Amino acid sequence: MTTEEFEQFVVNSARMGIADLAYSVVGLAGECGEVSEWYKKAVCRKSKKYTQEMLKLELGDVVHYVARIGAYFGWSLSDIMAANVEKLEKRQNDKHDRADYGVVDANRSIQRDSVPEEYDRDTR
């Protein structure tokens, strides 16, 4: 599926209209909470019931609400992604900004060692 096909699906299947920005923002917050809850249960509690497939579905819900908010403002997912890349590239090139974010190695997070091997993409 392309981003354009997904955007069309979101707009055409919206039970609450795209013009309801509050619904989209609260929905996004709720779905981000679901991703956090997955991490808590899958990684912190080591529950095998919470699979990577479940995480993928929750992330899909996050993207759904991002697409809704983008549609409200007239932005495509491609517009949002391009703006994010531009912002992150600027941040990577700004040594002062990197220090503010506690970046010690651009390829690894400070919390990286706490992720179990089965969820660490570098060990799969």
PDB file of N, CA and C in Angstrom:
ATOM      1  N   MET A   1       0.846  -1.182   0.000  1.00  0.00           N
ATOM      2  CA  MET A   1       0.000   0.000   0.000  1.00  0.00           C
ATOM      3  C   MET A   1       0.888   1.242   0.000  1.00  0.00           C
ATOM      4  N   THR A   2       0.536   2.204  -0.801  1.00  0.00           N
ATOM      5  CA  THR A   2       1.284   3.463  -0.836  1.00  0.00           C
ATOM      6  C   THR A   2       0.739   4.421   0.218  1.00  0.00           C
ATOM      7  N   THR A   3       1.511   5.464   0.512  1.00  0.00           N
ATOM      8  CA  THR A   3       1.018   6.463   1.468  1.00  0.00           C
ATOM      9  C   THR A   3      -0.231   7.142   0.916  1.00  0.00           C
ATOM     10  N   GLU A   4      -0.272   7.358  -0.386  1.00  0.00           N
ATOM     11  CA  GLU A   4      -1.443   8.002  -0.994  1.00  0.00           C
ATOM     12  C   GLU A   4      -2.688   7.131  -0.855  1.00  0.00           C
ATOM     13  N   GLU A   5      -2.544   5.825  -1.084  1.00  0.00           N
ATOM     14  CA  GLU A   5      -3.673   4.906  -0.921  1.00  0.00           C
ATOM     15  C   GLU A   5      -4.150   4.900   0.530  1.00  0.00           C
ATOM     16  N   PHE A   6      -3.210   4.917   1.459  1.00  0.00           N
ATOM     17  CA  PHE A   6      -3.567   4.931   2.870  1.00  0.00           C
ATOM     18  C   PHE A   6      -4.307   6.221   3.228  1.00  0.00           C
ATOM     19  N   GLU A   7      -3.808   7.346   2.740  1.00  0.00           N
ATOM     20  CA  GLU A   7      -4.467   8.632   3.008  1.00  0.00           C
ATOM     21  C   GLU A   7      -5.900   8.627   2.481  1.00  0.00           C
ATOM     22  N   GLN A   8      -6.099   8.096   1.289  1.00  0.00           N
ATOM     23  CA  GLN A   8      -7.457   8.011   0.720  1.00  0.00           C
ATOM     24  C   GLN A   8      -8.347   7.133   1.583  1.00  0.00           C
ATOM     25  N   PHE A   9      -7.806   6.008   2.023  1.00  0.00           N
ATOM     26  CA  PHE A   9      -8.569   5.121   2.898  1.00  0.00           C
ATOM     27  C   PHE A   9      -8.986   5.857   4.173  1.00  0.00           C
ATOM     28  N   VAL A  10      -8.051   6.577   4.794  1.00  0.00           N
ATOM     29  CA  VAL A  10      -8.341   7.293   6.041  1.00  0.00           C
ATOM     30  C   VAL A  10      -9.451   8.318   5.825  1.00  0.00           C
ATOM     31  N   VAL A  11      -9.325   9.109   4.773  1.00  0.00           N
ATOM     32  CA  VAL A  11     -10.321  10.158   4.505  1.00  0.00           C
ATOM     33  C   VAL A  11     -11.682   9.543   4.184  1.00  0.00           C
ATOM     34  N   ASN A  12     -11.694   8.499   3.376  1.00  0.00           N
ATOM     35  CA  ASN A  12     -12.957   7.896   2.945  1.00  0.00           C
ATOM     36  C   ASN A  12     -13.629   7.050   4.013  1.00  0.00           C
ATOM     37  N   SER A  13     -12.883   6.569   4.989  1.00  0.00           N
ATOM     38  CA  SER A  13     -13.463   5.678   5.994  1.00  0.00           C
ATOM     39  C   SER A  13     -13.686   6.365   7.343  1.00  0.00           C
ATOM     40  N   ALA A  14     -13.408   7.648   7.416  1.00  0.00           N
ATOM     41  CA  ALA A  14     -13.510   8.360   8.694  1.00  0.00           C
ATOM     42  C   ALA A  14     -14.957   8.453   9.157  1.00  0.00           C
ATOM     43  N   ARG A  15     -15.256   7.837  10.316  1.00  0.00           N
ATOM     44  CA  ARG A  15     -16.595   7.955  10.896  1.00  0.00           C
ATOM     45  C   ARG A  15     -16.790   9.355  11.472  1.00  0.00           C
ATOM     46  N   MET A  16     -15.767   9.856  12.118  1.00  0.00           N
ATOM     47  CA  MET A  16     -15.771  11.243  12.589  1.00  0.00           C
ATOM     48  C   MET A  16     -15.056  12.039  11.509  1.00  0.00           C
ATOM     49  N   GLY A  17     -15.649  13.078  11.040  1.00  0.00           N
ATOM     50  CA  GLY A  17     -15.089  13.829   9.923  1.00  0.00           C
ATOM     51  C   GLY A  17     -13.672  14.326  10.168  1.00  0.00           C
ATOM     52  N   ILE A  18     -12.940  14.475   9.085  1.00  0.00           N
ATOM     53  CA  ILE A  18     -11.571  14.972   9.142  1.00  0.00           C
ATOM     54  C   ILE A  18     -11.536  16.375   9.750  1.00  0.00           C
ATOM     55  N   ALA A  19     -12.624  17.118   9.608  1.00  0.00           N
ATOM     56  CA  ALA A  19     -12.679  18.487  10.135  1.00  0.00           C
ATOM     57  C   ALA A  19     -12.685  18.527  11.664  1.00  0.00           C
ATOM     58  N   ASP A  20     -12.862  17.389  12.312  1.00  0.00           N
ATOM     59  CA  ASP A  20     -12.866  17.338  13.778  1.00  0.00           C
ATOM     60  C   ASP A  20     -11.433  17.121  14.268  1.00  0.00           C
ATOM     61  N   LEU A  21     -10.692  18.226  14.368  1.00  0.00           N
ATOM     62  CA  LEU A  21      -9.284  18.154  14.760  1.00  0.00           C
ATOM     63  C   LEU A  21      -9.121  17.605  16.171  1.00  0.00           C
ATOM     64  N   ALA A  22      -9.989  18.010  17.081  1.00  0.00           N
ATOM     65  CA  ALA A  22      -9.878  17.538  18.472  1.00  0.00           C
ATOM     66  C   ALA A  22      -9.952  16.015  18.539  1.00  0.00           C
ATOM     67  N   TYR A  23     -10.875  15.419  17.789  1.00  0.00           N
ATOM     68  CA  TYR A  23     -11.014  13.964  17.758  1.00  0.00           C
ATOM     69  C   TYR A  23      -9.703  13.312  17.303  1.00  0.00           C
ATOM     70  N   SER A  24      -9.086  13.897  16.276  1.00  0.00           N
ATOM     71  CA  SER A  24      -7.848  13.330  15.735  1.00  0.00           C
ATOM     72  C   SER A  24      -6.688  13.451  16.717  1.00  0.00           C
ATOM     73  N   VAL A  25      -6.580  14.600  17.378  1.00  0.00           N
ATOM     74  CA  VAL A  25      -5.479  14.813  18.322  1.00  0.00           C
ATOM     75  C   VAL A  25      -5.629  13.900  19.537  1.00  0.00           C
ATOM     76  N   VAL A  26      -6.832  13.800  20.076  1.00  0.00           N
ATOM     77  CA  VAL A  26      -7.066  12.925  21.221  1.00  0.00           C
ATOM     78  C   VAL A  26      -6.876  11.462  20.806  1.00  0.00           C
ATOM     79  N   GLY A  27      -7.314  11.121  19.601  1.00  0.00           N
ATOM     80  CA  GLY A  27      -7.103   9.765  19.094  1.00  0.00           C
ATOM     81  C   GLY A  27      -5.632   9.427  18.981  1.00  0.00           C
ATOM     82  N   LEU A  28      -4.837  10.367  18.490  1.00  0.00           N
ATOM     83  CA  LEU A  28      -3.388  10.154  18.371  1.00  0.00           C
ATOM     84  C   LEU A  28      -2.768   9.940  19.751  1.00  0.00           C
ATOM     85  N   ALA A  29      -3.152  10.764  20.706  1.00  0.00           N
ATOM     86  CA  ALA A  29      -2.624  10.604  22.064  1.00  0.00           C
ATOM     87  C   ALA A  29      -2.976   9.235  22.631  1.00  0.00           C
ATOM     88  N   GLY A  30      -4.207   8.802  22.409  1.00  0.00           N
ATOM     89  CA  GLY A  30      -4.634   7.490  22.895  1.00  0.00           C
ATOM     90  C   GLY A  30      -3.841   6.357  22.268  1.00  0.00           C
ATOM     91  N   GLU A  31      -3.613   6.449  20.969  1.00  0.00           N
ATOM     92  CA  GLU A  31      -2.868   5.382  20.283  1.00  0.00           C
ATOM     93  C   GLU A  31      -1.397   5.378  20.676  1.00  0.00           C
ATOM     94  N   CYS A  32      -0.828   6.545  20.924  1.00  0.00           N
ATOM     95  CA  CYS A  32       0.556   6.602  21.427  1.00  0.00           C
ATOM     96  C   CYS A  32       0.628   5.928  22.793  1.00  0.00           C
ATOM     97  N   GLY A  33      -0.421   6.109  23.587  1.00  0.00           N
ATOM     98  CA  GLY A  33      -0.505   5.416  24.871  1.00  0.00           C
ATOM     99  C   GLY A  33      -0.550   3.911  24.695  1.00  0.00           C
ATOM    100  N   GLU A  34      -1.242   3.442  23.662  1.00  0.00           N
ATOM    101  CA  GLU A  34      -1.297   2.004  23.391  1.00  0.00           C
ATOM    102  C   GLU A  34       0.091   1.458  23.037  1.00  0.00           C
ATOM    103  N   VAL A  35       0.876   2.235  22.296  1.00  0.00           N
ATOM    104  CA  VAL A  35       2.249   1.821  21.969  1.00  0.00           C
ATOM    105  C   VAL A  35       3.075   1.734  23.257  1.00  0.00           C
ATOM    106  N   SER A  36       2.934   2.716  24.132  1.00  0.00           N
ATOM    107  CA  SER A  36       3.642   2.700  25.419  1.00  0.00           C
ATOM    108  C   SER A  36       3.217   1.503  26.265  1.00  0.00           C
ATOM    109  N   GLU A  37       1.934   1.215  26.257  1.00  0.00           N
ATOM    110  CA  GLU A  37       1.408   0.083  27.011  1.00  0.00           C
ATOM    111  C   GLU A  37       1.977  -1.228  26.468  1.00  0.00           C
ATOM    112  N   TRP A  38       2.083  -1.332  25.136  1.00  0.00           N
ATOM    113  CA  TRP A  38       2.683  -2.527  24.535  1.00  0.00           C
ATOM    114  C   TRP A  38       4.108  -2.703  25.057  1.00  0.00           C
ATOM    115  N   TYR A  39       4.880  -1.625  25.057  1.00  0.00           N
ATOM    116  CA  TYR A  39       6.274  -1.697  25.516  1.00  0.00           C
ATOM    117  C   TYR A  39       6.327  -2.143  26.978  1.00  0.00           C
ATOM    118  N   LYS A  40       5.481  -1.543  27.800  1.00  0.00           N
ATOM    119  CA  LYS A  40       5.465  -1.892  29.223  1.00  0.00           C
ATOM    120  C   LYS A  40       5.219  -3.391  29.407  1.00  0.00           C
ATOM    121  N   LYS A  41       4.249  -3.913  28.676  1.00  0.00           N
ATOM    122  CA  LYS A  41       3.873  -5.310  28.874  1.00  0.00           C
ATOM    123  C   LYS A  41       4.824  -6.276  28.160  1.00  0.00           C
ATOM    124  N   ALA A  42       5.230  -5.929  26.950  1.00  0.00           N
ATOM    125  CA  ALA A  42       6.086  -6.843  26.175  1.00  0.00           C
ATOM    126  C   ALA A  42       7.528  -6.834  26.661  1.00  0.00           C
ATOM    127  N   VAL A  43       8.039  -5.654  26.952  1.00  0.00           N
ATOM    128  CA  VAL A  43       9.458  -5.538  27.267  1.00  0.00           C
ATOM    129  C   VAL A  43       9.701  -5.508  28.775  1.00  0.00           C
ATOM    130  N   CYS A  44       9.003  -4.628  29.477  1.00  0.00           N
ATOM    131  CA  CYS A  44       9.241  -4.504  30.920  1.00  0.00           C
ATOM    132  C   CYS A  44       8.734  -5.718  31.700  1.00  0.00           C
ATOM    133  N   ARG A  45       7.521  -6.183  31.356  1.00  0.00           N
ATOM    134  CA  ARG A  45       6.953  -7.339  32.058  1.00  0.00           C
ATOM    135  C   ARG A  45       7.288  -8.670  31.384  1.00  0.00           C
ATOM    136  N   LYS A  46       7.917  -8.585  30.217  1.00  0.00           N
ATOM    137  CA  LYS A  46       8.344  -9.767  29.461  1.00  0.00           C
ATOM    138  C   LYS A  46       7.187 -10.717  29.132  1.00  0.00           C
ATOM    139  N   SER A  47       6.012 -10.148  28.856  1.00  0.00           N
ATOM    140  CA  SER A  47       4.852 -10.944  28.496  1.00  0.00           C
ATOM    141  C   SER A  47       4.959 -11.371  27.037  1.00  0.00           C
ATOM    142  N   LYS A  48       4.910 -12.656  26.799  1.00  0.00           N
ATOM    143  CA  LYS A  48       4.982 -13.196  25.431  1.00  0.00           C
ATOM    144  C   LYS A  48       3.672 -12.978  24.683  1.00  0.00           C
ATOM    145  N   LYS A  49       2.618 -12.598  25.404  1.00  0.00           N
ATOM    146  CA  LYS A  49       1.305 -12.359  24.800  1.00  0.00           C
ATOM    147  C   LYS A  49       1.334 -11.122  23.896  1.00  0.00           C
ATOM    148  N   TYR A  50       2.249 -10.195  24.168  1.00  0.00           N
ATOM    149  CA  TYR A  50       2.327  -8.948  23.401  1.00  0.00           C
ATOM    150  C   TYR A  50       3.397  -9.104  22.325  1.00  0.00           C
ATOM    151  N   THR A  51       2.923  -9.358  21.114  1.00  0.00           N
ATOM    152  CA  THR A  51       3.812  -9.693  20.002  1.00  0.00           C
ATOM    153  C   THR A  51       4.209  -8.456  19.198  1.00  0.00           C
ATOM    154  N   GLN A  52       5.218  -8.615  18.376  1.00  0.00           N
ATOM    155  CA  GLN A  52       5.610  -7.531  17.476  1.00  0.00           C
ATOM    156  C   GLN A  52       4.496  -7.224  16.479  1.00  0.00           C
ATOM    157  N   GLU A  53       3.727  -8.221  16.101  1.00  0.00           N
ATOM    158  CA  GLU A  53       2.591  -7.991  15.200  1.00  0.00           C
ATOM    159  C   GLU A  53       1.575  -7.054  15.852  1.00  0.00           C
ATOM    160  N   MET A  54       1.352  -7.225  17.146  1.00  0.00           N
ATOM    161  CA  MET A  54       0.449  -6.331  17.873  1.00  0.00           C
ATOM    162  C   MET A  54       0.989  -4.899  17.866  1.00  0.00           C
ATOM    163  N   LEU A  55       2.299  -4.766  18.040  1.00  0.00           N
ATOM    164  CA  LEU A  55       2.907  -3.438  17.998  1.00  0.00           C
ATOM    165  C   LEU A  55       2.718  -2.805  16.626  1.00  0.00           C
ATOM    166  N   LYS A  56       2.884  -3.597  15.577  1.00  0.00           N
ATOM    167  CA  LYS A  56       2.696  -3.082  14.217  1.00  0.00           C
ATOM    168  C   LYS A  56       1.282  -2.547  14.031  1.00  0.00           C
ATOM    169  N   LEU A  57       0.303  -3.254  14.567  1.00  0.00           N
ATOM    170  CA  LEU A  57      -1.084  -2.797  14.459  1.00  0.00           C
ATOM    171  C   LEU A  57      -1.299  -1.489  15.214  1.00  0.00           C
ATOM    172  N   GLU A  58      -0.717  -1.363  16.390  1.00  0.00           N
ATOM    173  CA  GLU A  58      -0.845  -0.118  17.156  1.00  0.00           C
ATOM    174  C   GLU A  58      -0.161   1.039  16.433  1.00  0.00           C
ATOM    175  N   LEU A  59       1.001   0.789  15.847  1.00  0.00           N
ATOM    176  CA  LEU A  59       1.689   1.840  15.085  1.00  0.00           C
ATOM    177  C   LEU A  59       0.867   2.251  13.869  1.00  0.00           C
ATOM    178  N   GLY A  60       0.154   1.306  13.283  1.00  0.00           N
ATOM    179  CA  GLY A  60      -0.757   1.636  12.185  1.00  0.00           C
ATOM    180  C   GLY A  60      -1.840   2.597  12.630  1.00  0.00           C
ATOM    181  N   ASP A  61      -2.348   2.398  13.853  1.00  0.00           N
ATOM    182  CA  ASP A  61      -3.340   3.324  14.395  1.00  0.00           C
ATOM    183  C   ASP A  61      -2.739   4.716  14.584  1.00  0.00           C
ATOM    184  N   VAL A  62      -1.479   4.774  15.021  1.00  0.00           N
ATOM    185  CA  VAL A  62      -0.797   6.067  15.175  1.00  0.00           C
ATOM    186  C   VAL A  62      -0.716   6.762  13.815  1.00  0.00           C
ATOM    187  N   VAL A  63      -0.290   6.025  12.795  1.00  0.00           N
ATOM    188  CA  VAL A  63      -0.174   6.607  11.454  1.00  0.00           C
ATOM    189  C   VAL A  63      -1.543   7.062  10.948  1.00  0.00           C
ATOM    190  N   HIS A  64      -2.590   6.313  11.278  1.00  0.00           N
ATOM    191  CA  HIS A  64      -3.952   6.686  10.889  1.00  0.00           C
ATOM    192  C   HIS A  64      -4.284   8.088  11.403  1.00  0.00           C
ATOM    193  N   TYR A  65      -4.027   8.322  12.682  1.00  0.00           N
ATOM    194  CA  TYR A  65      -4.348   9.636  13.247  1.00  0.00           C
ATOM    195  C   TYR A  65      -3.404  10.728  12.744  1.00  0.00           C
ATOM    196  N   VAL A  66      -2.161  10.390  12.465  1.00  0.00           N
ATOM    197  CA  VAL A  66      -1.248  11.363  11.852  1.00  0.00           C
ATOM    198  C   VAL A  66      -1.779  11.756  10.472  1.00  0.00           C
ATOM    199  N   ALA A  67      -2.257  10.781   9.719  1.00  0.00           N
ATOM    200  CA  ALA A  67      -2.830  11.068   8.395  1.00  0.00           C
ATOM    201  C   ALA A  67      -4.072  11.948   8.517  1.00  0.00           C
ATOM    202  N   ARG A  68      -4.913  11.695   9.513  1.00  0.00           N
ATOM    203  CA  ARG A  68      -6.110  12.529   9.741  1.00  0.00           C
ATOM    204  C   ARG A  68      -5.718  13.977  10.022  1.00  0.00           C
ATOM    205  N   ILE A  69      -4.745  14.154  10.923  1.00  0.00           N
ATOM    206  CA  ILE A  69      -4.315  15.509  11.277  1.00  0.00           C
ATOM    207  C   ILE A  69      -3.688  16.186  10.069  1.00  0.00           C
ATOM    208  N   GLY A  70      -2.889  15.450   9.323  1.00  0.00           N
ATOM    209  CA  GLY A  70      -2.301  16.002   8.101  1.00  0.00           C
ATOM    210  C   GLY A  70      -3.371  16.432   7.118  1.00  0.00           C
ATOM    211  N   ALA A  71      -4.385  15.597   6.927  1.00  0.00           N
ATOM    212  CA  ALA A  71      -5.475  15.932   5.999  1.00  0.00           C
ATOM    213  C   ALA A  71      -6.189  17.206   6.443  1.00  0.00           C
ATOM    214  N   TYR A  72      -6.369  17.362   7.730  1.00  0.00           N
ATOM    215  CA  TYR A  72      -7.020  18.562   8.265  1.00  0.00           C
ATOM    216  C   TYR A  72      -6.267  19.826   7.831  1.00  0.00           C
ATOM    217  N   PHE A  73      -4.939  19.756   7.876  1.00  0.00           N
ATOM    218  CA  PHE A  73      -4.113  20.913   7.517  1.00  0.00           C
ATOM    219  C   PHE A  73      -3.736  20.957   6.036  1.00  0.00           C
ATOM    220  N   GLY A  74      -4.167  19.942   5.275  1.00  0.00           N
ATOM    221  CA  GLY A  74      -3.846  19.905   3.854  1.00  0.00           C
ATOM    222  C   GLY A  74      -2.465  19.348   3.552  1.00  0.00           C
ATOM    223  N   TRP A  75      -1.909  18.595   4.474  1.00  0.00           N
ATOM    224  CA  TRP A  75      -0.590  17.993   4.291  1.00  0.00           C
ATOM    225  C   TRP A  75      -0.733  16.507   3.992  1.00  0.00           C
ATOM    226  N   SER A  76       0.098  16.013   3.105  1.00  0.00           N
ATOM    227  CA  SER A  76       0.158  14.579   2.853  1.00  0.00           C
ATOM    228  C   SER A  76       1.144  13.950   3.841  1.00  0.00           C
ATOM    229  N   LEU A  77       1.097  12.630   3.950  1.00  0.00           N
ATOM    230  CA  LEU A  77       2.099  11.942   4.765  1.00  0.00           C
ATOM    231  C   LEU A  77       3.497  12.205   4.217  1.00  0.00           C
ATOM    232  N   SER A  78       3.614  12.299   2.898  1.00  0.00           N
ATOM    233  CA  SER A  78       4.918  12.611   2.298  1.00  0.00           C
ATOM    234  C   SER A  78       5.407  13.992   2.732  1.00  0.00           C
ATOM    235  N   ASP A  79       4.487  14.961   2.804  1.00  0.00           N
ATOM    236  CA  ASP A  79       4.851  16.300   3.283  1.00  0.00           C
ATOM    237  C   ASP A  79       5.373  16.229   4.720  1.00  0.00           C
ATOM    238  N   ILE A  80       4.672  15.488   5.554  1.00  0.00           N
ATOM    239  CA  ILE A  80       5.042  15.368   6.965  1.00  0.00           C
ATOM    240  C   ILE A  80       6.389  14.674   7.105  1.00  0.00           C
ATOM    241  N   MET A  81       6.578  13.598   6.347  1.00  0.00           N
ATOM    242  CA  MET A  81       7.843  12.854   6.422  1.00  0.00           C
ATOM    243  C   MET A  81       9.007  13.714   5.945  1.00  0.00           C
ATOM    244  N   ALA A  82       8.807  14.454   4.858  1.00  0.00           N
ATOM    245  CA  ALA A  82       9.876  15.310   4.331  1.00  0.00           C
ATOM    246  C   ALA A  82      10.242  16.406   5.332  1.00  0.00           C
ATOM    247  N   ALA A  83       9.233  16.999   5.961  1.00  0.00           N
ATOM    248  CA  ALA A  83       9.502  18.033   6.965  1.00  0.00           C
ATOM    249  C   ALA A  83      10.257  17.447   8.148  1.00  0.00           C
ATOM    250  N   ASN A  84       9.910  16.212   8.537  1.00  0.00           N
ATOM    251  CA  ASN A  84      10.592  15.568   9.656  1.00  0.00           C
ATOM    252  C   ASN A  84      12.052  15.275   9.314  1.00  0.00           C
ATOM    253  N   VAL A  85      12.299  14.769   8.109  1.00  0.00           N
ATOM    254  CA  VAL A  85      13.673  14.489   7.685  1.00  0.00           C
ATOM    255  C   VAL A  85      14.492  15.781   7.696  1.00  0.00           C
ATOM    256  N   GLU A  86      13.920  16.848   7.174  1.00  0.00           N
ATOM    257  CA  GLU A  86      14.617  18.136   7.155  1.00  0.00           C
ATOM    258  C   GLU A  86      14.959  18.586   8.585  1.00  0.00           C
ATOM    259  N   LYS A  87      14.010  18.471   9.494  1.00  0.00           N
ATOM    260  CA  LYS A  87      14.236  18.860  10.886  1.00  0.00           C
ATOM    261  C   LYS A  87      15.334  18.007  11.523  1.00  0.00           C
ATOM    262  N   LEU A  88      15.283  16.693  11.300  1.00  0.00           N
ATOM    263  CA  LEU A  88      16.256  15.788  11.919  1.00  0.00           C
ATOM    264  C   LEU A  88      17.649  15.955  11.319  1.00  0.00           C
ATOM    265  N   GLU A  89      17.721  16.194  10.005  1.00  0.00           N
ATOM    266  CA  GLU A  89      19.031  16.432   9.397  1.00  0.00           C
ATOM    267  C   GLU A  89      19.657  17.706   9.950  1.00  0.00           C
ATOM    268  N   LYS A  90      18.856  18.727  10.137  1.00  0.00           N
ATOM    269  CA  LYS A  90      19.358  19.971  10.724  1.00  0.00           C
ATOM    270  C   LYS A  90      19.860  19.709  12.137  1.00  0.00           C
ATOM    271  N   ARG A  91      19.097  18.927  12.900  1.00  0.00           N
ATOM    272  CA  ARG A  91      19.491  18.612  14.273  1.00  0.00           C
ATOM    273  C   ARG A  91      20.783  17.812  14.299  1.00  0.00           C
ATOM    274  N   GLN A  92      20.938  16.850  13.385  1.00  0.00           N
ATOM    275  CA  GLN A  92      22.160  16.032  13.345  1.00  0.00           C
ATOM    276  C   GLN A  92      23.385  16.871  13.038  1.00  0.00           C
ATOM    277  N   ASN A  93      23.201  17.913  12.266  1.00  0.00           N
ATOM    278  CA  ASN A  93      24.327  18.759  11.876  1.00  0.00           C
ATOM    279  C   ASN A  93      24.623  19.861  12.885  1.00  0.00           C
ATOM    280  N   ASP A  94      23.797  20.005  13.877  1.00  0.00           N
ATOM    281  CA  ASP A  94      23.953  21.049  14.881  1.00  0.00           C
ATOM    282  C   ASP A  94      24.514  20.418  16.150  1.00  0.00           C
ATOM    283  N   LYS A  95      25.831  20.522  16.370  1.00  0.00           N
ATOM    284  CA  LYS A  95      26.472  19.868  17.511  1.00  0.00           C
ATOM    285  C   LYS A  95      25.901  20.356  18.833  1.00  0.00           C
ATOM    286  N   HIS A  96      25.577  21.631  18.924  1.00  0.00           N
ATOM    287  CA  HIS A  96      25.017  22.170  20.168  1.00  0.00           C
ATOM    288  C   HIS A  96      23.669  21.515  20.454  1.00  0.00           C
ATOM    289  N   ASP A  97      22.830  21.383  19.429  1.00  0.00           N
ATOM    290  CA  ASP A  97      21.514  20.779  19.590  1.00  0.00           C
ATOM    291  C   ASP A  97      21.654  19.315  20.009  1.00  0.00           C
ATOM    292  N   ARG A  98      22.611  18.602  19.418  1.00  0.00           N
ATOM    293  CA  ARG A  98      22.826  17.192  19.759  1.00  0.00           C
ATOM    294  C   ARG A  98      23.179  17.051  21.233  1.00  0.00           C
ATOM    295  N   ALA A  99      23.993  17.945  21.753  1.00  0.00           N
ATOM    296  CA  ALA A  99      24.361  17.884  23.168  1.00  0.00           C
ATOM    297  C   ALA A  99      23.142  18.126  24.050  1.00  0.00           C
ATOM    298  N   ASP A 100      22.253  19.018  23.628  1.00  0.00           N
ATOM    299  CA  ASP A 100      21.037  19.294  24.402  1.00  0.00           C
ATOM    300  C   ASP A 100      20.167  18.058  24.522  1.00  0.00           C
ATOM    301  N   TYR A 101      20.204  17.196  23.525  1.00  0.00           N
ATOM    302  CA  TYR A 101      19.372  16.001  23.533  1.00  0.00           C
ATOM    303  C   TYR A 101      20.085  14.799  24.154  1.00  0.00           C
ATOM    304  N   GLY A 102      21.279  14.991  24.645  1.00  0.00           N
ATOM    305  CA  GLY A 102      21.991  13.900  25.300  1.00  0.00           C
ATOM    306  C   GLY A 102      22.457  12.828  24.343  1.00  0.00           C
ATOM    307  N   VAL A 103      22.654  13.154  23.085  1.00  0.00           N
ATOM    308  CA  VAL A 103      23.086  12.175  22.097  1.00  0.00           C
ATOM    309  C   VAL A 103      24.574  11.913  22.290  1.00  0.00           C
ATOM    310  N   VAL A 104      24.903  10.669  22.580  1.00  0.00           N
ATOM    311  CA  VAL A 104      26.301  10.304  22.730  1.00  0.00           C
ATOM    312  C   VAL A 104      26.805   9.548  21.504  1.00  0.00           C
ATOM    313  N   ASP A 105      25.931   8.884  20.826  1.00  0.00           N
ATOM    314  CA  ASP A 105      26.266   8.148  19.611  1.00  0.00           C
ATOM    315  C   ASP A 105      25.019   8.187  18.732  1.00  0.00           C
ATOM    316  N   ALA A 106      25.134   8.750  17.553  1.00  0.00           N
ATOM    317  CA  ALA A 106      23.961   8.940  16.694  1.00  0.00           C
ATOM    318  C   ALA A 106      23.275   7.633  16.326  1.00  0.00           C
ATOM    319  N   ASN A 107      23.977   6.503  16.426  1.00  0.00           N
ATOM    320  CA  ASN A 107      23.400   5.222  16.029  1.00  0.00           C
ATOM    321  C   ASN A 107      22.793   4.438  17.183  1.00  0.00           C
ATOM    322  N   ARG A 108      22.978   4.906  18.416  1.00  0.00           N
ATOM    323  CA  ARG A 108      22.467   4.143  19.546  1.00  0.00           C
ATOM    324  C   ARG A 108      21.874   5.074  20.590  1.00  0.00           C
ATOM    325  N   SER A 109      20.760   4.667  21.125  1.00  0.00           N
ATOM    326  CA  SER A 109      20.080   5.428  22.168  1.00  0.00           C
ATOM    327  C   SER A 109      20.742   5.179  23.514  1.00  0.00           C
ATOM    328  N   ILE A 110      20.632   6.131  24.403  1.00  0.00           N
ATOM    329  CA  ILE A 110      21.153   5.967  25.758  1.00  0.00           C
ATOM    330  C   ILE A 110      20.488   4.774  26.434  1.00  0.00           C
ATOM    331  N   GLN A 111      19.190   4.538  26.151  1.00  0.00           N
ATOM    332  CA  GLN A 111      18.433   3.459  26.771  1.00  0.00           C
ATOM    333  C   GLN A 111      18.549   2.134  26.010  1.00  0.00           C
ATOM    334  N   ARG A 112      19.335   2.089  24.972  1.00  0.00           N
ATOM    335  CA  ARG A 112      19.396   0.941  24.085  1.00  0.00           C
ATOM    336  C   ARG A 112      19.687  -0.372  24.803  1.00  0.00           C
ATOM    337  N   ASP A 113      20.531  -0.344  25.834  1.00  0.00           N
ATOM    338  CA  ASP A 113      20.913  -1.577  26.507  1.00  0.00           C
ATOM    339  C   ASP A 113      19.759  -2.233  27.255  1.00  0.00           C
ATOM    340  N   SER A 114      18.670  -1.514  27.484  1.00  0.00           N
ATOM    341  CA  SER A 114      17.554  -2.072  28.234  1.00  0.00           C
ATOM    342  C   SER A 114      16.584  -2.856  27.355  1.00  0.00           C
ATOM    343  N   VAL A 115      16.778  -2.870  26.050  1.00  0.00           N
ATOM    344  CA  VAL A 115      15.865  -3.561  25.137  1.00  0.00           C
ATOM    345  C   VAL A 115      16.300  -5.018  24.986  1.00  0.00           C
ATOM    346  N   PRO A 116      15.388  -5.976  25.285  1.00  0.00           N
ATOM    347  CA  PRO A 116      15.731  -7.389  25.135  1.00  0.00           C
ATOM    348  C   PRO A 116      16.118  -7.720  23.691  1.00  0.00           C
ATOM    349  N   GLU A 117      16.962  -8.688  23.554  1.00  0.00           N
ATOM    350  CA  GLU A 117      17.513  -9.041  22.251  1.00  0.00           C
ATOM    351  C   GLU A 117      16.449  -9.319  21.199  1.00  0.00           C
ATOM    352  N   GLU A 118      15.324  -9.975  21.567  1.00  0.00           N
ATOM    353  CA  GLU A 118      14.317 -10.312  20.563  1.00  0.00           C
ATOM    354  C   GLU A 118      13.615  -9.091  19.974  1.00  0.00           C
ATOM    355  N   TYR A 119      13.718  -7.937  20.653  1.00  0.00           N
ATOM    356  CA  TYR A 119      13.127  -6.706  20.137  1.00  0.00           C
ATOM    357  C   TYR A 119      14.171  -5.742  19.585  1.00  0.00           C
ATOM    358  N   ASP A 120      15.427  -6.123  19.640  1.00  0.00           N
ATOM    359  CA  ASP A 120      16.507  -5.261  19.168  1.00  0.00           C
ATOM    360  C   ASP A 120      16.746  -5.552  17.695  1.00  0.00           C
ATOM    361  N   ARG A 121      16.417  -4.570  16.833  1.00  0.00           N
ATOM    362  CA  ARG A 121      16.523  -4.796  15.390  1.00  0.00           C
ATOM    363  C   ARG A 121      17.942  -5.096  14.950  1.00  0.00           C
ATOM    364  N   ASP A 122      18.949  -4.652  15.723  1.00  0.00           N
ATOM    365  CA  ASP A 122      20.342  -4.889  15.336  1.00  0.00           C
ATOM    366  C   ASP A 122      20.785  -6.327  15.585  1.00  0.00           C
ATOM    367  N   THR A 123      20.007  -7.089  16.347  1.00  0.00           N
ATOM    368  CA  THR A 123      20.392  -8.467  16.622  1.00  0.00           C
ATOM    369  C   THR A 123      19.512  -9.477  15.918  1.00  0.00           C
ATOM    370  N   ARG A 124      18.527  -8.990  15.143  1.00  0.00           N
ATOM    371  CA  ARG A 124      17.635  -9.921  14.430  1.00  0.00           C
ATOM    372  C   ARG A 124      18.245 -10.326  13.121  1.00  0.00           C
TER     373      ARG A 124
END
